[in-house]
Amino acid sequence: MNHTETLAKILLGPLLLMQGIYTRKVTPRLPEAEGERQGMAGSGVALRLLIVGDSAAAGVGASTQDEALSGQLVSQLANDYRVSWTLWARSGLDSQALLALLDDKAPQPFDVALVSIGVNDVTSTLAADEWVARHHRLIGLLREKYAVKQVVLSPLPPMHLFPALPQPLRWYLGLRASAFNTRLAELDERIDHCTLLTTRLAPVNGSMARDGFHPGPAIYSQWADDAASVIGQRFRKHTPLDIAQPTIKIQE
């Protein structure tokens, strides 16, 4: 925990707690996007895609999975690949719950996994060190149990810009999200088969869901564009035999 965060908790702790309780009470609870959570699309080289994570991965803020992260990413990749895709995501998951979910699933092989997790960790009291340690275990689990060759990590969004959050809670959670992202980037640098998305998904008018907290289809579209580009750098022009080889670190 950095000094600014520690000082903020000491000076603003009771106010931050009250604002957190109030925000949870008044923020609309939006449903997960409707639609299929697995399927096949496109033609070309086979690509097995897994998307895992929290409410954003589950498409909260979009009406259907076609408008959400999974549908828009599959649509992009289907231009170049025969995509076999699976979505395992649930609202409310934090990093520990995602590890448990992956522990419970039967093993099956995937070429690439896109991970969205962390907002529920930022809003808790979890330390950044433990969050990164859980990510390390998560990457290892995806590699070992699910034979994932490239793990694509999504950074935490700029929570200091979330309309649903009052000040100073918005500033405080933005501070924590930024610190978590810094540590996640350090982890990414140490792991060859891991790629951290770098484009900021900053909310603008009309781009977020009506709860002021989750992405809307416009942000999901940009997120899918970024992920498709990173996945394409790894797998485009590769034959199925090449895909089976160990991942080489992509320098971005």
Protein backbone atom coordinates (compact mmCIF):
# COMPACT_ATOMS: atom_id res chain seq x y z
CA MET A 1 0.00 0.00 0.00
CA ASN A 2 1.47 3.38 -0.97
CA HIS A 3 1.69 6.33 1.41
CA THR A 4 -1.10 8.29 -0.27
CA GLU A 5 -3.52 5.39 0.01
CA THR A 6 -2.58 4.81 3.65
CA LEU A 7 -3.07 8.48 4.51
CA ALA A 8 -6.40 8.55 2.66
CA LYS A 9 -7.67 5.57 4.64
CA ILE A 10 -6.68 7.23 7.91
CA LEU A 11 -8.17 10.64 7.12
CA LEU A 12 -11.13 9.63 4.96
CA GLY A 13 -11.90 6.08 6.12
CA PRO A 14 -15.37 6.67 7.62
CA LEU A 15 -16.47 8.86 4.69
CA LEU A 16 -15.20 6.36 2.11
CA LEU A 17 -17.04 3.55 3.88
CA MET A 18 -20.31 5.49 3.97
CA GLN A 19 -19.99 6.50 0.33
CA GLY A 20 -19.33 2.88 -0.63
CA ILE A 21 -22.44 1.67 1.17
CA TYR A 22 -24.55 4.44 -0.35
CA THR A 23 -23.24 3.83 -3.88
CA ARG A 24 -24.04 0.11 -3.67
CA LYS A 25 -27.54 0.95 -2.48
CA VAL A 26 -28.44 3.47 -5.20
CA THR A 27 -26.57 2.06 -8.22
CA PRO A 28 -28.92 0.07 -10.50
CA ARG A 29 -28.13 -3.65 -10.66
CA LEU A 30 -27.96 -4.46 -14.34
CA PRO A 31 -28.32 -8.01 -15.69
CA GLU A 32 -25.64 -9.95 -17.53
CA ALA A 33 -25.95 -9.84 -21.31
CA GLU A 34 -28.30 -12.42 -22.79
CA GLY A 35 -27.16 -14.94 -25.37
CA GLU A 36 -24.96 -17.95 -25.99
CA ARG A 37 -21.76 -18.40 -24.01
CA GLN A 38 -20.04 -20.77 -26.37
CA GLY A 39 -20.03 -21.49 -30.06
CA MET A 40 -18.09 -21.49 -33.32
CA ALA A 41 -17.68 -18.77 -35.94
CA GLY A 42 -15.60 -17.96 -39.00
CA SER A 43 -13.30 -20.02 -41.17
CA GLY A 44 -9.59 -20.52 -41.54
CA VAL A 45 -7.02 -21.63 -39.00
CA ALA A 46 -8.65 -23.06 -35.86
CA LEU A 47 -8.40 -20.85 -32.77
CA ARG A 48 -9.74 -21.93 -29.38
CA LEU A 49 -10.71 -18.87 -27.32
CA LEU A 50 -11.60 -18.67 -23.62
CA ILE A 51 -12.96 -15.50 -22.01
CA VAL A 52 -13.09 -15.47 -18.20
CA GLY A 53 -13.89 -12.96 -15.51
CA ASP A 54 -16.36 -10.72 -13.77
CA SER A 55 -19.45 -8.70 -14.72
CA ALA A 56 -17.63 -6.91 -17.54
CA ALA A 57 -16.63 -10.23 -19.09
CA ALA A 58 -20.24 -11.37 -18.61
CA GLY A 59 -21.41 -8.38 -20.64
CA VAL A 60 -23.19 -6.31 -18.01
CA GLY A 61 -24.05 -3.02 -19.71
CA ALA A 62 -24.90 -4.66 -23.04
CA SER A 63 -28.26 -6.19 -23.92
CA THR A 64 -26.86 -9.25 -25.69
CA GLN A 65 -23.56 -11.08 -25.89
CA ASP A 66 -23.30 -9.94 -29.51
CA GLU A 67 -22.91 -6.36 -28.22
CA ALA A 68 -20.70 -7.38 -25.31
CA LEU A 69 -17.00 -8.22 -25.16
CA SER A 70 -17.38 -11.88 -26.16
CA GLY A 71 -19.55 -11.31 -29.20
CA GLN A 72 -17.57 -8.37 -30.53
CA LEU A 73 -14.23 -10.16 -30.05
CA VAL A 74 -15.46 -13.36 -31.72
CA SER A 75 -16.87 -11.30 -34.60
CA GLN A 76 -13.48 -9.67 -35.12
CA LEU A 77 -11.49 -12.89 -34.91
CA ALA A 78 -13.91 -14.75 -37.18
CA ASN A 79 -12.60 -12.68 -40.11
CA ASP A 80 -9.32 -14.61 -39.92
CA TYR A 81 -9.93 -17.77 -37.90
CA ARG A 82 -12.34 -20.59 -37.27
CA VAL A 83 -13.04 -19.58 -33.69
CA SER A 84 -14.26 -22.05 -31.10
CA TRP A 85 -15.10 -19.87 -28.11
CA THR A 86 -16.23 -20.25 -24.50
CA LEU A 87 -17.25 -17.64 -21.92
CA TRP A 88 -16.98 -18.34 -18.19
CA ALA A 89 -17.94 -15.18 -16.31
CA ARG A 90 -20.21 -14.03 -13.51
CA SER A 91 -21.11 -10.74 -11.88
CA GLY A 92 -19.50 -10.17 -8.51
CA LEU A 93 -16.44 -12.34 -9.07
CA ASP A 94 -13.17 -11.21 -7.56
CA SER A 95 -9.78 -12.78 -8.28
CA GLN A 96 -10.14 -15.50 -5.62
CA ALA A 97 -13.61 -16.48 -6.87
CA LEU A 98 -12.30 -16.66 -10.45
CA LEU A 99 -9.53 -19.02 -9.31
CA ALA A 100 -12.19 -21.18 -7.64
CA LEU A 101 -14.34 -21.17 -10.80
CA LEU A 102 -11.41 -22.34 -12.92
CA ASP A 103 -10.53 -24.97 -10.33
CA ASP A 104 -14.06 -26.37 -10.60
CA LYS A 105 -14.21 -26.61 -14.40
CA ALA A 106 -13.14 -29.74 -16.24
CA PRO A 107 -9.82 -29.33 -18.06
CA GLN A 108 -9.92 -28.65 -21.80
CA PRO A 109 -7.40 -27.00 -24.13
CA PHE A 110 -7.54 -23.40 -25.36
CA ASP A 111 -5.09 -21.45 -27.48
CA VAL A 112 -5.76 -18.04 -25.92
CA ALA A 113 -7.53 -16.76 -22.81
CA LEU A 114 -8.76 -13.21 -22.26
CA VAL A 115 -9.04 -12.28 -18.58
CA SER A 116 -11.15 -9.50 -17.04
CA ILE A 117 -10.92 -9.38 -13.25
CA GLY A 118 -10.12 -6.87 -10.52
CA VAL A 119 -12.77 -4.19 -10.03
CA ASN A 120 -14.29 -6.16 -7.15
CA ASP A 121 -10.80 -6.52 -5.67
CA VAL A 122 -10.18 -2.77 -5.89
CA THR A 123 -13.45 -2.04 -4.07
CA SER A 124 -12.46 -4.47 -1.30
CA THR A 125 -9.57 -4.15 1.15
CA LEU A 126 -7.29 -6.52 -0.80
CA ALA A 127 -3.67 -5.41 -1.05
CA ALA A 128 -2.06 -5.00 -4.47
CA ASP A 129 0.62 -7.58 -3.56
CA GLU A 130 -1.99 -10.27 -2.97
CA TRP A 131 -3.91 -9.29 -6.11
CA VAL A 132 -0.79 -9.75 -8.25
CA ALA A 133 -0.02 -13.05 -6.50
CA ARG A 134 -3.49 -14.28 -7.40
CA HIS A 135 -2.96 -13.20 -11.01
CA HIS A 136 0.26 -15.20 -11.05
CA ARG A 137 -1.64 -18.27 -9.86
CA LEU A 138 -4.40 -17.58 -12.37
CA ILE A 139 -1.95 -17.46 -15.27
CA GLY A 140 -0.32 -20.67 -14.07
CA LEU A 141 -3.70 -22.40 -13.81
CA LEU A 142 -4.69 -21.35 -17.32
CA ARG A 143 -1.36 -22.57 -18.68
CA GLU A 144 -1.21 -25.86 -16.82
CA LYS A 145 -4.83 -27.03 -16.64
CA TYR A 146 -6.16 -25.50 -19.85
CA ALA A 147 -2.99 -25.55 -22.01
CA VAL A 148 -3.42 -21.83 -22.82
CA LYS A 149 -0.61 -20.57 -25.01
CA GLN A 150 -1.30 -16.84 -24.67
CA VAL A 151 -2.96 -15.16 -21.69
CA VAL A 152 -4.30 -11.69 -22.50
CA LEU A 153 -4.84 -9.59 -19.38
CA SER A 154 -7.22 -6.64 -19.23
CA PRO A 155 -6.06 -3.69 -17.11
CA LEU A 156 -8.38 -2.18 -14.58
CA PRO A 157 -10.50 0.65 -15.99
CA PRO A 158 -9.93 4.31 -14.99
CA MET A 159 -12.22 4.21 -11.97
CA HIS A 160 -11.43 7.85 -11.16
CA LEU A 161 -13.66 8.68 -14.16
CA PHE A 162 -16.65 6.49 -13.23
CA PRO A 163 -19.80 8.69 -13.07
CA ALA A 164 -21.48 6.41 -10.52
CA LEU A 165 -18.82 7.08 -7.87
CA PRO A 166 -18.98 10.21 -5.69
CA GLN A 167 -15.89 12.10 -4.61
CA PRO A 168 -13.62 11.39 -2.79
CA LEU A 169 -14.49 7.68 -3.25
CA ARG A 170 -13.98 8.03 -7.00
CA TRP A 171 -10.50 9.47 -6.49
CA TYR A 172 -9.58 6.82 -3.92
CA LEU A 173 -10.68 3.83 -6.03
CA GLY A 174 -8.98 5.37 -9.06
CA LEU A 175 -5.78 5.58 -7.02
CA ARG A 176 -6.03 1.91 -6.08
CA ALA A 177 -6.86 0.86 -9.64
CA SER A 178 -3.82 2.73 -10.96
CA ALA A 179 -1.55 1.09 -8.36
CA PHE A 180 -2.95 -2.35 -9.21
CA ASN A 181 -2.32 -1.73 -12.92
CA THR A 182 1.28 -0.74 -12.23
CA ARG A 183 1.87 -4.02 -10.44
CA LEU A 184 0.08 -5.98 -13.18
CA ALA A 185 2.35 -4.42 -15.82
CA GLU A 186 5.38 -5.51 -13.79
CA LEU A 187 4.04 -9.07 -13.70
CA ASP A 188 3.38 -9.02 -17.44
CA GLU A 189 6.99 -8.05 -18.11
CA ARG A 190 8.19 -11.16 -16.26
CA ILE A 191 6.00 -13.71 -18.07
CA ASP A 192 6.67 -14.53 -21.72
CA HIS A 193 3.28 -16.06 -22.58
CA CYS A 194 1.32 -13.13 -21.13
CA THR A 195 0.23 -9.88 -22.80
CA LEU A 196 -1.33 -6.91 -21.00
CA LEU A 197 -3.66 -4.72 -23.04
CA THR A 198 -2.46 -1.13 -22.92
CA THR A 199 -5.19 1.04 -24.45
CA ARG A 200 -7.09 3.12 -21.90
CA LEU A 201 -10.82 2.48 -22.01
CA ALA A 202 -11.72 5.95 -20.75
CA PRO A 203 -15.47 6.55 -20.55
CA VAL A 204 -16.97 9.35 -22.63
CA ASN A 205 -20.56 10.51 -22.89
CA GLY A 206 -22.81 7.67 -23.95
CA SER A 207 -20.11 5.00 -23.86
CA MET A 208 -20.92 3.55 -20.43
CA ALA A 209 -23.92 1.60 -19.22
CA ARG A 210 -26.76 3.48 -17.55
CA ASP A 211 -25.47 2.51 -14.10
CA GLY A 212 -22.38 4.70 -14.65
CA PHE A 213 -20.18 1.82 -13.59
CA HIS A 214 -20.07 -0.80 -16.36
CA PRO A 215 -18.98 -0.54 -20.00
CA GLY A 216 -21.52 0.04 -22.74
CA PRO A 217 -21.29 -1.49 -26.23
CA ALA A 218 -18.96 1.29 -27.45
CA ILE A 219 -16.36 0.47 -24.80
CA TYR A 220 -16.79 -3.26 -25.36
CA SER A 221 -16.10 -2.61 -29.06
CA GLN A 222 -12.82 -0.82 -28.34
CA TRP A 223 -11.84 -3.50 -25.83
CA ALA A 224 -12.52 -6.22 -28.42
CA ASP A 225 -10.51 -4.30 -31.03
CA ASP A 226 -7.52 -4.13 -28.70
CA ALA A 227 -7.73 -7.81 -27.77
CA ALA A 228 -8.17 -8.93 -31.38
CA SER A 229 -5.10 -6.94 -32.39
CA VAL A 230 -2.96 -8.53 -29.67
CA ILE A 231 -4.23 -12.02 -30.46
CA GLY A 232 -3.63 -11.42 -34.17
CA GLN A 233 -0.01 -10.47 -33.50
CA ARG A 234 0.48 -13.84 -31.86
CA PHE A 235 -1.50 -16.14 -34.12
CA ARG A 236 -1.90 -14.48 -37.54
CA LYS A 237 0.17 -16.16 -40.25
CA HIS A 238 0.69 -19.15 -37.94
CA THR A 239 -0.25 -22.62 -39.04
CA PRO A 240 -2.02 -24.99 -36.61
CA LEU A 241 1.38 -26.62 -35.98
CA ASP A 242 2.90 -23.25 -35.13
CA ILE A 243 0.08 -22.46 -32.72
CA ALA A 244 1.00 -25.54 -30.72
CA GLN A 245 4.49 -24.18 -30.05
CA PRO A 246 5.45 -22.14 -26.94
CA THR A 247 4.48 -18.47 -27.02
CA ILE A 248 7.15 -15.86 -27.71
CA LYS A 249 6.84 -12.62 -25.77
CA ILE A 250 5.28 -9.84 -27.81
CA GLN A 251 6.94 -6.52 -27.19
CA GLU A 252 4.35 -3.74 -27.29
